[in-house]
Each structure stands twice: as structure tokens, then as C-alpha cells.
PDB file of N, CA and C in Angstrom:
ATOM      1  N   UNK A   1     -10.699  71.994  84.641  1.00  0.00           N
ATOM      2  CA  UNK A   1      -9.652  71.407  85.445  1.00  0.00           C
ATOM      3  C   UNK A   1      -9.055  72.479  86.354  1.00  0.00           C
ATOM      4  N   UNK A   2      -8.788  72.123  87.588  1.00  0.00           N
ATOM      5  CA  UNK A   2      -8.224  73.069  88.555  1.00  0.00           C
ATOM      6  C   UNK A   2      -6.703  73.024  88.480  1.00  0.00           C
ATOM      7  N   UNK A   3      -6.098  74.205  88.670  1.00  0.00           N
ATOM      8  CA  UNK A   3      -4.646  74.297  88.543  1.00  0.00           C
ATOM      9  C   UNK A   3      -3.949  74.859  89.770  1.00  0.00           C
ATOM     10  N   UNK A   4      -4.647  75.414  90.699  1.00  0.00           N
ATOM     11  CA  UNK A   4      -4.011  75.997  91.873  1.00  0.00           C
ATOM     12  C   UNK A   4      -5.024  76.772  92.681  1.00  0.00           C
ATOM     13  N   UNK A   5      -4.557  77.283  93.798  1.00  0.00           N
ATOM     14  CA  UNK A   5      -5.437  78.096  94.633  1.00  0.00           C
ATOM     15  C   UNK A   5      -4.604  79.069  95.451  1.00  0.00           C
ATOM     16  N   UNK A   6      -5.268  80.066  95.965  1.00  0.00           N
ATOM     17  CA  UNK A   6      -4.640  81.038  96.845  1.00  0.00           C
ATOM     18  C   UNK A   6      -5.549  81.229  98.051  1.00  0.00           C
ATOM     19  N   UNK A   7      -4.990  81.155  99.218  1.00  0.00           N
ATOM     20  CA  UNK A   7      -5.732  81.420 100.441  1.00  0.00           C
ATOM     21  C   UNK A   7      -5.744  82.924 100.678  1.00  0.00           C
ATOM     22  N   UNK A   8      -6.920  83.461 101.040  1.00  0.00           N
ATOM     23  CA  UNK A   8      -7.058  84.886 101.337  1.00  0.00           C
ATOM     24  C   UNK A   8      -7.437  85.018 102.810  1.00  0.00           C
ATOM     25  N   UNK A   9      -6.590  85.703 103.570  1.00  0.00           N
ATOM     26  CA  UNK A   9      -6.856  85.966 104.977  1.00  0.00           C
ATOM     27  C   UNK A   9      -7.343  87.405 105.133  1.00  0.00           C
ATOM     28  N   UNK A  10      -8.361  87.587 105.964  1.00  0.00           N
ATOM     29  CA  UNK A  10      -8.824  88.918 106.329  1.00  0.00           C
ATOM     30  C   UNK A  10      -8.022  89.367 107.545  1.00  0.00           C
ATOM     31  N   UNK A  11      -7.500  90.584 107.479  1.00  0.00           N
ATOM     32  CA  UNK A  11      -6.671  91.128 108.548  1.00  0.00           C
ATOM     33  C   UNK A  11      -7.127  92.543 108.893  1.00  0.00           C
ATOM     34  N   UNK A  12      -6.841  92.969 110.099  1.00  0.00           N
ATOM     35  CA  UNK A  12      -7.238  94.313 110.534  1.00  0.00           C
ATOM     36  C   UNK A  12      -6.400  95.389 109.858  1.00  0.00           C
ATOM     37  N   UNK A  13      -5.084  95.184 109.807  1.00  0.00           N
ATOM     38  CA  UNK A  13      -4.159  96.183 109.273  1.00  0.00           C
ATOM     39  C   UNK A  13      -3.260  95.502 108.241  1.00  0.00           C
ATOM     40  N   UNK A  14      -3.526  95.761 106.974  1.00  0.00           N
ATOM     41  CA  UNK A  14      -2.814  95.070 105.886  1.00  0.00           C
ATOM     42  C   UNK A  14      -1.309  95.311 105.939  1.00  0.00           C
ATOM     43  N   UNK A  15      -0.887  96.540 106.148  1.00  0.00           N
ATOM     44  CA  UNK A  15       0.553  96.828 106.096  1.00  0.00           C
ATOM     45  C   UNK A  15       1.300  96.239 107.296  1.00  0.00           C
ATOM     46  N   UNK A  16       0.679  96.250 108.463  1.00  0.00           N
ATOM     47  CA  UNK A  16       1.301  95.616 109.625  1.00  0.00           C
ATOM     48  C   UNK A  16       1.377  94.109 109.415  1.00  0.00           C
ATOM     49  N   UNK A  17       0.312  93.529 108.864  1.00  0.00           N
ATOM     50  CA  UNK A  17       0.301  92.093 108.582  1.00  0.00           C
ATOM     51  C   UNK A  17       1.304  91.742 107.488  1.00  0.00           C
ATOM     52  N   UNK A  18       1.410  92.576 106.464  1.00  0.00           N
ATOM     53  CA  UNK A  18       2.409  92.359 105.415  1.00  0.00           C
ATOM     54  C   UNK A  18       3.801  92.256 106.037  1.00  0.00           C
ATOM     55  N   UNK A  19       4.129  93.171 106.936  1.00  0.00           N
ATOM     56  CA  UNK A  19       5.441  93.162 107.594  1.00  0.00           C
ATOM     57  C   UNK A  19       5.636  91.878 108.400  1.00  0.00           C
ATOM     58  N   UNK A  20       4.592  91.399 109.081  1.00  0.00           N
ATOM     59  CA  UNK A  20       4.685  90.163 109.861  1.00  0.00           C
ATOM     60  C   UNK A  20       4.957  88.973 108.943  1.00  0.00           C
ATOM     61  N   UNK A  21       4.209  88.861 107.867  1.00  0.00           N
ATOM     62  CA  UNK A  21       4.400  87.736 106.948  1.00  0.00           C
ATOM     63  C   UNK A  21       5.779  87.793 106.282  1.00  0.00           C
ATOM     64  N   UNK A  22       6.235  88.985 105.963  1.00  0.00           N
ATOM     65  CA  UNK A  22       7.557  89.142 105.338  1.00  0.00           C
ATOM     66  C   UNK A  22       8.678  88.896 106.348  1.00  0.00           C
ATOM     67  N   UNK A  23       8.633  89.581 107.478  1.00  0.00           N
ATOM     68  CA  UNK A  23       9.752  89.572 108.420  1.00  0.00           C
ATOM     69  C   UNK A  23       9.767  88.380 109.361  1.00  0.00           C
ATOM     70  N   UNK A  24       8.602  87.918 109.781  1.00  0.00           N
ATOM     71  CA  UNK A  24       8.533  86.821 110.756  1.00  0.00           C
ATOM     72  C   UNK A  24       8.328  85.463 110.107  1.00  0.00           C
ATOM     73  N   UNK A  25       7.575  85.399 108.996  1.00  0.00           N
ATOM     74  CA  UNK A  25       7.274  84.121 108.357  1.00  0.00           C
ATOM     75  C   UNK A  25       8.077  83.888 107.082  1.00  0.00           C
ATOM     76  N   UNK A  26       8.793  84.893 106.609  1.00  0.00           N
ATOM     77  CA  UNK A  26       9.691  84.707 105.476  1.00  0.00           C
ATOM     78  C   UNK A  26       9.054  84.751 104.100  1.00  0.00           C
ATOM     79  N   UNK A  27       7.850  85.290 103.975  1.00  0.00           N
ATOM     80  CA  UNK A  27       7.211  85.408 102.667  1.00  0.00           C
ATOM     81  C   UNK A  27       7.781  86.608 101.912  1.00  0.00           C
ATOM     82  N   UNK A  28       7.767  86.520 100.585  1.00  0.00           N
ATOM     83  CA  UNK A  28       8.113  87.644  99.731  1.00  0.00           C
ATOM     84  C   UNK A  28       6.825  88.373  99.358  1.00  0.00           C
ATOM     85  N   UNK A  29       6.927  89.668  99.154  1.00  0.00           N
ATOM     86  CA  UNK A  29       5.768  90.457  98.736  1.00  0.00           C
ATOM     87  C   UNK A  29       5.688  90.401  97.212  1.00  0.00           C
ATOM     88  N   UNK A  30       4.599  89.867  96.700  1.00  0.00           N
ATOM     89  CA  UNK A  30       4.404  89.754  95.247  1.00  0.00           C
ATOM     90  C   UNK A  30       3.786  91.029  94.682  1.00  0.00           C
ATOM     91  N   UNK A  31       2.817  91.615  95.419  1.00  0.00           N
ATOM     92  CA  UNK A  31       2.194  92.855  94.955  1.00  0.00           C
ATOM     93  C   UNK A  31       1.449  93.521  96.097  1.00  0.00           C
ATOM     94  N   UNK A  32       1.199  94.804  95.928  1.00  0.00           N
ATOM     95  CA  UNK A  32       0.345  95.596  96.809  1.00  0.00           C
ATOM     96  C   UNK A  32      -0.691  96.272  95.921  1.00  0.00           C
ATOM     97  N   UNK A  33      -1.941  96.323  96.393  1.00  0.00           N
ATOM     98  CA  UNK A  33      -3.010  96.884  95.579  1.00  0.00           C
ATOM     99  C   UNK A  33      -3.815  97.889  96.387  1.00  0.00           C
ATOM    100  N   UNK A  34      -4.190  98.987  95.722  1.00  0.00           N
ATOM    101  CA  UNK A  34      -5.046 100.004  96.322  1.00  0.00           C
ATOM    102  C   UNK A  34      -4.263 101.196  96.813  1.00  0.00           C
ATOM    103  N   UNK A  35      -4.974 102.332  96.921  1.00  0.00           N
ATOM    104  CA  UNK A  35      -4.393 103.548  97.457  1.00  0.00           C
ATOM    105  C   UNK A  35      -5.352 104.120  98.485  1.00  0.00           C
ATOM    106  N   UNK A  36      -5.092 103.964  99.771  1.00  0.00           N
ATOM    107  CA  UNK A  36      -3.962 103.231 100.341  1.00  0.00           C
ATOM    108  C   UNK A  36      -4.121 101.715 100.129  1.00  0.00           C
ATOM    109  N   UNK A  37      -3.028 101.010 100.313  1.00  0.00           N
ATOM    110  CA  UNK A  37      -3.025  99.565 100.087  1.00  0.00           C
ATOM    111  C   UNK A  37      -4.045  98.885 100.986  1.00  0.00           C
ATOM    112  N   UNK A  38      -4.905  98.048 100.369  1.00  0.00           N
ATOM    113  CA  UNK A  38      -5.871  97.267 101.145  1.00  0.00           C
ATOM    114  C   UNK A  38      -5.844  95.786 100.788  1.00  0.00           C
ATOM    115  N   UNK A  39      -4.993  95.415  99.836  1.00  0.00           N
ATOM    116  CA  UNK A  39      -4.905  94.014  99.405  1.00  0.00           C
ATOM    117  C   UNK A  39      -3.461  93.749  98.993  1.00  0.00           C
ATOM    118  N   UNK A  40      -2.900  92.645  99.496  1.00  0.00           N
ATOM    119  CA  UNK A  40      -1.516  92.314  99.142  1.00  0.00           C
ATOM    120  C   UNK A  40      -1.406  90.834  98.795  1.00  0.00           C
ATOM    121  N   UNK A  41      -0.433  90.539  97.965  1.00  0.00           N
ATOM    122  CA  UNK A  41      -0.114  89.161  97.617  1.00  0.00           C
ATOM    123  C   UNK A  41       1.258  88.809  98.152  1.00  0.00           C
ATOM    124  N   UNK A  42       1.368  87.614  98.711  1.00  0.00           N
ATOM    125  CA  UNK A  42       2.615  87.122  99.282  1.00  0.00           C
ATOM    126  C   UNK A  42       2.936  85.775  98.665  1.00  0.00           C
ATOM    127  N   UNK A  43       4.215  85.438  98.610  1.00  0.00           N
ATOM    128  CA  UNK A  43       4.580  84.134  98.076  1.00  0.00           C
ATOM    129  C   UNK A  43       5.839  83.610  98.755  1.00  0.00           C
ATOM    130  N   UNK A  44       5.953  82.293  98.747  1.00  0.00           N
ATOM    131  CA  UNK A  44       7.146  81.589  99.202  1.00  0.00           C
ATOM    132  C   UNK A  44       7.175  80.270  98.443  1.00  0.00           C
ATOM    133  N   UNK A  45       8.129  80.117  97.540  1.00  0.00           N
ATOM    134  CA  UNK A  45       8.131  78.936  96.690  1.00  0.00           C
ATOM    135  C   UNK A  45       6.858  78.897  95.870  1.00  0.00           C
ATOM    136  N   UNK A  46       6.158  77.767  95.886  1.00  0.00           N
ATOM    137  CA  UNK A  46       4.906  77.617  95.145  1.00  0.00           C
ATOM    138  C   UNK A  46       3.676  78.021  95.956  1.00  0.00           C
ATOM    139  N   UNK A  47       3.877  78.540  97.150  1.00  0.00           N
ATOM    140  CA  UNK A  47       2.766  78.910  98.035  1.00  0.00           C
ATOM    141  C   UNK A  47       2.460  80.394  97.877  1.00  0.00           C
ATOM    142  N   UNK A  48       1.170  80.711  97.695  1.00  0.00           N
ATOM    143  CA  UNK A  48       0.743  82.107  97.658  1.00  0.00           C
ATOM    144  C   UNK A  48      -0.337  82.335  98.708  1.00  0.00           C
ATOM    145  N   UNK A  49      -0.275  83.475  99.339  1.00  0.00           N
ATOM    146  CA  UNK A  49      -1.289  83.927 100.286  1.00  0.00           C
ATOM    147  C   UNK A  49      -1.632  85.363  99.935  1.00  0.00           C
ATOM    148  N   UNK A  50      -2.891  85.716 100.093  1.00  0.00           N
ATOM    149  CA  UNK A  50      -3.308  87.102  99.923  1.00  0.00           C
ATOM    150  C   UNK A  50      -3.908  87.590 101.237  1.00  0.00           C
ATOM    151  N   UNK A  51      -3.748  88.876 101.488  1.00  0.00           N
ATOM    152  CA  UNK A  51      -4.311  89.518 102.673  1.00  0.00           C
ATOM    153  C   UNK A  51      -5.237  90.634 102.220  1.00  0.00           C
ATOM    154  N   UNK A  52      -6.419  90.706 102.818  1.00  0.00           N
ATOM    155  CA  UNK A  52      -7.361  91.779 102.500  1.00  0.00           C
ATOM    156  C   UNK A  52      -7.742  92.493 103.801  1.00  0.00           C
ATOM    157  N   UNK A  53      -7.840  93.807 103.720  1.00  0.00           N
ATOM    158  CA  UNK A  53      -8.214  94.608 104.880  1.00  0.00           C
ATOM    159  C   UNK A  53      -9.660  94.331 105.270  1.00  0.00           C
ATOM    160  N   UNK A  54      -9.887  94.177 106.562  1.00  0.00           N
ATOM    161  CA  UNK A  54     -11.235  93.908 107.067  1.00  0.00           C
ATOM    162  C   UNK A  54     -12.210  95.012 106.674  1.00  0.00           C
ATOM    163  N   UNK A  55     -11.714  96.226 106.510  1.00  0.00           N
ATOM    164  CA  UNK A  55     -12.575  97.345 106.130  1.00  0.00           C
ATOM    165  C   UNK A  55     -13.107  97.225 104.705  1.00  0.00           C
ATOM    166  N   UNK A  56     -12.558  96.283 103.910  1.00  0.00           N
ATOM    167  CA  UNK A  56     -12.943  96.127 102.507  1.00  0.00           C
ATOM    168  C   UNK A  56     -13.713  94.849 102.214  1.00  0.00           C
ATOM    169  N   UNK A  57     -14.080  94.107 103.257  1.00  0.00           N
ATOM    170  CA  UNK A  57     -14.786  92.841 103.064  1.00  0.00           C
ATOM    171  C   UNK A  57     -15.726  92.603 104.235  1.00  0.00           C
ATOM    172  N   UNK A  58     -16.799  91.866 104.030  1.00  0.00           N
ATOM    173  CA  UNK A  58     -17.679  91.545 105.160  1.00  0.00           C
ATOM    174  C   UNK A  58     -17.102  90.445 106.070  1.00  0.00           C
ATOM    175  N   UNK A  59     -16.059  89.766 105.613  1.00  0.00           N
ATOM    176  CA  UNK A  59     -15.453  88.696 106.428  1.00  0.00           C
ATOM    177  C   UNK A  59     -14.684  89.290 107.605  1.00  0.00           C
ATOM    178  N   UNK A  60     -14.776  88.641 108.731  1.00  0.00           N
ATOM    179  CA  UNK A  60     -14.092  89.095 109.938  1.00  0.00           C
ATOM    180  C   UNK A  60     -12.655  88.589 109.973  1.00  0.00           C
ATOM    181  N   UNK A  61     -11.722  89.377 110.514  1.00  0.00           N
ATOM    182  CA  UNK A  61     -10.334  88.935 110.608  1.00  0.00           C
ATOM    183  C   UNK A  61     -10.174  87.791 111.605  1.00  0.00           C
ATOM    184  N   UNK A  62      -9.184  86.971 111.343  1.00  0.00           N
ATOM    185  CA  UNK A  62      -8.807  85.940 112.300  1.00  0.00           C
ATOM    186  C   UNK A  62      -9.548  84.632 112.203  1.00  0.00           C
ATOM    187  N   UNK A  63     -10.331  84.407 111.166  1.00  0.00           N
ATOM    188  CA  UNK A  63     -11.100  83.174 111.049  1.00  0.00           C
ATOM    189  C   UNK A  63     -10.584  82.245 109.950  1.00  0.00           C
ATOM    190  N   UNK A  64      -9.411  82.533 109.409  1.00  0.00           N
ATOM    191  CA  UNK A  64      -8.875  81.726 108.319  1.00  0.00           C
ATOM    192  C   UNK A  64      -7.875  80.691 108.789  1.00  0.00           C
ATOM    193  N   UNK A  65      -7.597  79.753 107.919  1.00  0.00           N
ATOM    194  CA  UNK A  65      -6.599  78.742 108.200  1.00  0.00           C
ATOM    195  C   UNK A  65      -6.125  78.081 106.924  1.00  0.00           C
ATOM    196  N   UNK A  66      -4.867  77.670 106.912  1.00  0.00           N
ATOM    197  CA  UNK A  66      -4.291  76.974 105.763  1.00  0.00           C
ATOM    198  C   UNK A  66      -3.207  76.022 106.254  1.00  0.00           C
ATOM    199  N   UNK A  67      -3.086  74.897 105.577  1.00  0.00           N
ATOM    200  CA  UNK A  67      -2.003  73.953 105.852  1.00  0.00           C
ATOM    201  C   UNK A  67      -1.018  74.048 104.698  1.00  0.00           C
ATOM    202  N   UNK A  68       0.241  74.300 105.022  1.00  0.00           N
ATOM    203  CA  UNK A  68       1.291  74.429 104.016  1.00  0.00           C
ATOM    204  C   UNK A  68       2.272  73.282 104.213  1.00  0.00           C
ATOM    205  N   UNK A  69       2.484  72.527 103.145  1.00  0.00           N
ATOM    206  CA  UNK A  69       3.410  71.401 103.208  1.00  0.00           C
ATOM    207  C   UNK A  69       4.825  71.887 102.917  1.00  0.00           C
ATOM    208  N   UNK A  70       5.767  71.414 103.719  1.00  0.00           N
ATOM    209  CA  UNK A  70       7.161  71.850 103.622  1.00  0.00           C
ATOM    210  C   UNK A  70       8.081  70.637 103.575  1.00  0.00           C
ATOM    211  N   UNK A  71       9.337  70.876 103.213  1.00  0.00           N
ATOM    212  CA  UNK A  71      10.313  69.796 103.126  1.00  0.00           C
ATOM    213  C   UNK A  71      10.850  69.375 104.490  1.00  0.00           C
ATOM    214  N   UNK A  72      11.036  70.341 105.395  1.00  0.00           N
ATOM    215  CA  UNK A  72      11.661  70.054 106.691  1.00  0.00           C
ATOM    216  C   UNK A  72      10.998  70.895 107.779  1.00  0.00           C
ATOM    217  N   UNK A  73      10.049  70.293 108.462  1.00  0.00           N
ATOM    218  CA  UNK A  73       9.273  70.974 109.502  1.00  0.00           C
ATOM    219  C   UNK A  73      10.170  71.496 110.627  1.00  0.00           C
ATOM    220  N   UNK A  74      11.114  70.696 111.055  1.00  0.00           N
ATOM    221  CA  UNK A  74      11.937  71.087 112.202  1.00  0.00           C
ATOM    222  C   UNK A  74      12.833  72.288 111.898  1.00  0.00           C
ATOM    223  N   UNK A  75      13.420  72.301 110.704  1.00  0.00           N
ATOM    224  CA  UNK A  75      14.257  73.432 110.313  1.00  0.00           C
ATOM    225  C   UNK A  75      13.414  74.696 110.188  1.00  0.00           C
ATOM    226  N   UNK A  76      12.232  74.583 109.572  1.00  0.00           N
ATOM    227  CA  UNK A  76      11.353  75.743 109.444  1.00  0.00           C
ATOM    228  C   UNK A  76      10.898  76.235 110.810  1.00  0.00           C
ATOM    229  N   UNK A  77      10.544  75.319 111.704  1.00  0.00           N
ATOM    230  CA  UNK A  77      10.130  75.697 113.057  1.00  0.00           C
ATOM    231  C   UNK A  77      11.233  76.504 113.739  1.00  0.00           C
ATOM    232  N   UNK A  78      12.467  76.026 113.644  1.00  0.00           N
ATOM    233  CA  UNK A  78      13.585  76.732 114.272  1.00  0.00           C
ATOM    234  C   UNK A  78      13.767  78.130 113.663  1.00  0.00           C
ATOM    235  N   UNK A  79      13.642  78.225 112.341  1.00  0.00           N
ATOM    236  CA  UNK A  79      13.800  79.516 111.662  1.00  0.00           C
ATOM    237  C   UNK A  79      12.708  80.489 112.067  1.00  0.00           C
ATOM    238  N   UNK A  80      11.453  80.032 112.079  1.00  0.00           N
ATOM    239  CA  UNK A  80      10.351  80.929 112.420  1.00  0.00           C
ATOM    240  C   UNK A  80      10.395  81.350 113.883  1.00  0.00           C
ATOM    241  N   UNK A  81      10.807  80.446 114.754  1.00  0.00           N
ATOM    242  CA  UNK A  81      10.964  80.783 116.170  1.00  0.00           C
ATOM    243  C   UNK A  81      12.031  81.868 116.332  1.00  0.00           C
ATOM    244  N   UNK A  82      13.146  81.697 115.626  1.00  0.00           N
ATOM    245  CA  UNK A  82      14.242  82.671 115.680  1.00  0.00           C
ATOM    246  C   UNK A  82      13.795  84.037 115.153  1.00  0.00           C
ATOM    247  N   UNK A  83      12.928  84.041 114.141  1.00  0.00           N
ATOM    248  CA  UNK A  83      12.435  85.293 113.558  1.00  0.00           C
ATOM    249  C   UNK A  83      11.409  85.980 114.462  1.00  0.00           C
ATOM    250  N   UNK A  84      10.889  85.272 115.462  1.00  0.00           N
ATOM    251  CA  UNK A  84       9.902  85.860 116.361  1.00  0.00           C
ATOM    252  C   UNK A  84       8.460  85.651 115.939  1.00  0.00           C
ATOM    253  N   UNK A  85       8.208  84.651 115.083  1.00  0.00           N
ATOM    254  CA  UNK A  85       6.831  84.342 114.685  1.00  0.00           C
ATOM    255  C   UNK A  85       6.046  83.835 115.890  1.00  0.00           C
ATOM    256  N   UNK A  86       4.742  83.960 115.831  1.00  0.00           N
ATOM    257  CA  UNK A  86       3.867  83.498 116.905  1.00  0.00           C
ATOM    258  C   UNK A  86       3.624  81.988 116.746  1.00  0.00           C
ATOM    259  N   UNK A  87       4.647  81.204 117.103  1.00  0.00           N
ATOM    260  CA  UNK A  87       4.582  79.746 117.001  1.00  0.00           C
ATOM    261  C   UNK A  87       3.824  79.224 118.214  1.00  0.00           C
ATOM    262  N   UNK A  88       2.753  78.469 117.983  1.00  0.00           N
ATOM    263  CA  UNK A  88       1.885  78.027 119.066  1.00  0.00           C
ATOM    264  C   UNK A  88       2.276  76.688 119.660  1.00  0.00           C
ATOM    265  N   UNK A  89       2.983  75.859 118.879  1.00  0.00           N
ATOM    266  CA  UNK A  89       3.418  74.571 119.414  1.00  0.00           C
ATOM    267  C   UNK A  89       4.591  74.062 118.595  1.00  0.00           C
ATOM    268  N   UNK A  90       5.384  73.214 119.229  1.00  0.00           N
ATOM    269  CA  UNK A  90       6.547  72.614 118.577  1.00  0.00           C
ATOM    270  C   UNK A  90       6.097  71.512 117.624  1.00  0.00           C
ATOM    271  N   UNK A  91       6.944  71.158 116.665  1.00  0.00           N
ATOM    272  CA  UNK A  91       6.603  70.054 115.764  1.00  0.00           C
ATOM    273  C   UNK A  91       6.411  68.748 116.532  1.00  0.00           C
ATOM    274  N   UNK A  92       5.445  67.971 116.072  1.00  0.00           N
ATOM    275  CA  UNK A  92       5.170  66.651 116.657  1.00  0.00           C
ATOM    276  C   UNK A  92       4.607  65.757 115.562  1.00  0.00           C
ATOM    277  N   UNK A  93       4.755  64.458 115.752  1.00  0.00           N
ATOM    278  CA  UNK A  93       4.181  63.471 114.829  1.00  0.00           C
ATOM    279  C   UNK A  93       2.755  63.160 115.272  1.00  0.00           C
ATOM    280  N   UNK A  94       1.853  63.056 114.291  1.00  0.00           N
ATOM    281  CA  UNK A  94       0.455  62.774 114.582  1.00  0.00           C
ATOM    282  C   UNK A  94      -0.012  61.542 113.823  1.00  0.00           C
ATOM    283  N   UNK A  95      -1.010  60.869 114.372  1.00  0.00           N
ATOM    284  CA  UNK A  95      -1.489  59.628 113.769  1.00  0.00           C
ATOM    285  C   UNK A  95      -2.192  59.834 112.439  1.00  0.00           C
ATOM    286  N   UNK A  96      -2.439  61.074 112.046  1.00  0.00           N
ATOM    287  CA  UNK A  96      -3.004  61.328 110.723  1.00  0.00           C
ATOM    288  C   UNK A  96      -1.915  61.381 109.639  1.00  0.00           C
ATOM    289  N   UNK A  97      -0.673  61.059 110.023  1.00  0.00           N
ATOM    290  CA  UNK A  97       0.394  60.896 109.046  1.00  0.00           C
ATOM    291  C   UNK A  97       1.269  62.109 108.790  1.00  0.00           C
ATOM    292  N   UNK A  98       1.119  63.151 109.608  1.00  0.00           N
ATOM    293  CA  UNK A  98       1.946  64.341 109.426  1.00  0.00           C
ATOM    294  C   UNK A  98       2.744  64.664 110.674  1.00  0.00           C
ATOM    295  N   UNK A  99       3.877  65.309 110.455  1.00  0.00           N
ATOM    296  CA  UNK A  99       4.619  65.985 111.508  1.00  0.00           C
ATOM    297  C   UNK A  99       4.371  67.459 111.234  1.00  0.00           C
ATOM    298  N   UNK A 100       3.791  68.165 112.201  1.00  0.00           N
ATOM    299  CA  UNK A 100       3.438  69.559 111.930  1.00  0.00           C
ATOM    300  C   UNK A 100       3.520  70.427 113.171  1.00  0.00           C
ATOM    301  N   UNK A 101       3.389  71.732 112.929  1.00  0.00           N
ATOM    302  CA  UNK A 101       3.301  72.717 114.014  1.00  0.00           C
ATOM    303  C   UNK A 101       2.403  73.860 113.555  1.00  0.00           C
ATOM    304  N   UNK A 102       1.947  74.655 114.524  1.00  0.00           N
ATOM    305  CA  UNK A 102       0.971  75.712 114.269  1.00  0.00           C
ATOM    306  C   UNK A 102       1.572  77.091 114.512  1.00  0.00           C
ATOM    307  N   UNK A 103       1.176  78.030 113.668  1.00  0.00           N
ATOM    308  CA  UNK A 103       1.564  79.435 113.791  1.00  0.00           C
ATOM    309  C   UNK A 103       0.291  80.261 113.640  1.00  0.00           C
ATOM    310  N   UNK A 104       0.205  81.354 114.390  1.00  0.00           N
ATOM    311  CA  UNK A 104      -0.907  82.297 114.232  1.00  0.00           C
ATOM    312  C   UNK A 104      -0.361  83.618 113.716  1.00  0.00           C
ATOM    313  N   UNK A 105      -1.166  84.300 112.888  1.00  0.00           N
ATOM    314  CA  UNK A 105      -0.753  85.637 112.478  1.00  0.00           C
ATOM    315  C   UNK A 105      -1.261  86.636 113.516  1.00  0.00           C
ATOM    316  N   UNK A 106      -1.112  87.909 113.235  1.00  0.00           N
ATOM    317  CA  UNK A 106      -1.454  88.945 114.210  1.00  0.00           C
ATOM    318  C   UNK A 106      -2.943  89.012 114.532  1.00  0.00           C
ATOM    319  N   UNK A 107      -3.785  88.469 113.637  1.00  0.00           N
ATOM    320  CA  UNK A 107      -5.234  88.502 113.845  1.00  0.00           C
ATOM    321  C   UNK A 107      -5.802  87.166 114.301  1.00  0.00           C
ATOM    322  N   UNK A 108      -4.958  86.141 114.382  1.00  0.00           N
ATOM    323  CA  UNK A 108      -5.426  84.828 114.791  1.00  0.00           C
ATOM    324  C   UNK A 108      -5.672  83.860 113.653  1.00  0.00           C
ATOM    325  N   UNK A 109      -5.442  84.268 112.395  1.00  0.00           N
ATOM    326  CA  UNK A 109      -5.503  83.319 111.288  1.00  0.00           C
ATOM    327  C   UNK A 109      -4.441  82.253 111.535  1.00  0.00           C
ATOM    328  N   UNK A 110      -4.765  81.013 111.234  1.00  0.00           N
ATOM    329  CA  UNK A 110      -3.882  79.894 111.552  1.00  0.00           C
ATOM    330  C   UNK A 110      -3.159  79.366 110.318  1.00  0.00           C
ATOM    331  N   UNK A 111      -1.879  79.100 110.495  1.00  0.00           N
ATOM    332  CA  UNK A 111      -1.068  78.473 109.454  1.00  0.00           C
ATOM    333  C   UNK A 111      -0.467  77.218 110.073  1.00  0.00           C
ATOM    334  N   UNK A 112      -0.742  76.091 109.441  1.00  0.00           N
ATOM    335  CA  UNK A 112      -0.229  74.807 109.900  1.00  0.00           C
ATOM    336  C   UNK A 112       0.842  74.380 108.911  1.00  0.00           C
ATOM    337  N   UNK A 113       2.070  74.223 109.380  1.00  0.00           N
ATOM    338  CA  UNK A 113       3.167  73.773 108.535  1.00  0.00           C
ATOM    339  C   UNK A 113       3.393  72.306 108.819  1.00  0.00           C
ATOM    340  N   UNK A 114       3.414  71.484 107.759  1.00  0.00           N
ATOM    341  CA  UNK A 114       3.550  70.048 107.986  1.00  0.00           C
ATOM    342  C   UNK A 114       4.285  69.334 106.880  1.00  0.00           C
ATOM    343  N   UNK A 115       4.711  68.107 107.213  1.00  0.00           N
ATOM    344  CA  UNK A 115       5.335  67.211 106.248  1.00  0.00           C
ATOM    345  C   UNK A 115       4.891  65.803 106.564  1.00  0.00           C
ATOM    346  N   UNK A 116       4.839  64.966 105.524  1.00  0.00           N
ATOM    347  CA  UNK A 116       4.438  63.581 105.735  1.00  0.00           C
ATOM    348  C   UNK A 116       5.471  62.846 106.570  1.00  0.00           C
ATOM    349  N   UNK A 117       4.990  61.964 107.439  1.00  0.00           N
ATOM    350  CA  UNK A 117       5.873  61.106 108.224  1.00  0.00           C
ATOM    351  C   UNK A 117       6.196  59.900 107.348  1.00  0.00           C
ATOM    352  N   UNK A 118       7.480  59.559 107.224  1.00  0.00           N
ATOM    353  CA  UNK A 118       7.823  58.378 106.437  1.00  0.00           C
ATOM    354  C   UNK A 118       7.101  57.146 106.981  1.00  0.00           C
ATOM    355  N   UNK A 119       6.526  56.368 106.076  1.00  0.00           N
ATOM    356  CA  UNK A 119       5.814  55.159 106.488  1.00  0.00           C
ATOM    357  C   UNK A 119       6.827  54.087 106.877  1.00  0.00           C
ATOM    358  N   UNK A 120       6.507  53.368 107.958  1.00  0.00           N
ATOM    359  CA  UNK A 120       7.415  52.322 108.415  1.00  0.00           C
ATOM    360  C   UNK A 120       6.951  50.954 107.962  1.00  0.00           C
TER     361      UNK A 120
END
């Protein structure tokens, strides 16, 4: 039985990306691994993300994506915009049943923040 998952993004510079996720996206740092650090864990509520240095994996940076469900898309959008996150579009309602918006990290990995649209 499955109990959870963690998305792992490949990034060029782990410490610079850690600062972006902490300062611009509001994640807490759960752990740092390696000397020098090449892998970090981040969390916000029940959401966890890990970052791995491109120099330590064959995966290329900037090709990841994750959708994170939130309670209030508009409030989060305003907060992330104020923090200086790389917000690519404003929240909008879509026919697939979500109100969402897109954010990119420093390497182009995509984070989609969304919430269900109340059914009418």
C-alpha cells in the first residue's frame, strides 16, 4: 500500500535553489545532506520536495513538475508575488475543475498551485 510521495527536482545550484524555495516560496528546510551539500529536503504542511544537484545525477535540471493542492489559491498567489517568486500567470478557473496558477523555480522546474472549483 502506498502512503505518500516526494517530488525530487534536479537543480544547478542546490544552495541557491534552497534559498529560493525558502525565501520566495515559503518552504521550510527539513534537512541538508552532503559535504558540500548536494541534496536538500523542503516541506510546507504535508508537502515535501527534495532538490538534488545536477552534478550528482544524470537527470538534467529544469525538467520537473508538480501540482500542489492548497486551501486558497488567490491568497497564496498574492503572498508568492509579494515574496518575489517567479509567478508565470495569475490564478484562473479551468474546465478541468481547478483554479490554479504556475510558478517556475530558478532552473525552470514547474510548480502548479491549485484548488478545486466548487461544483455548481
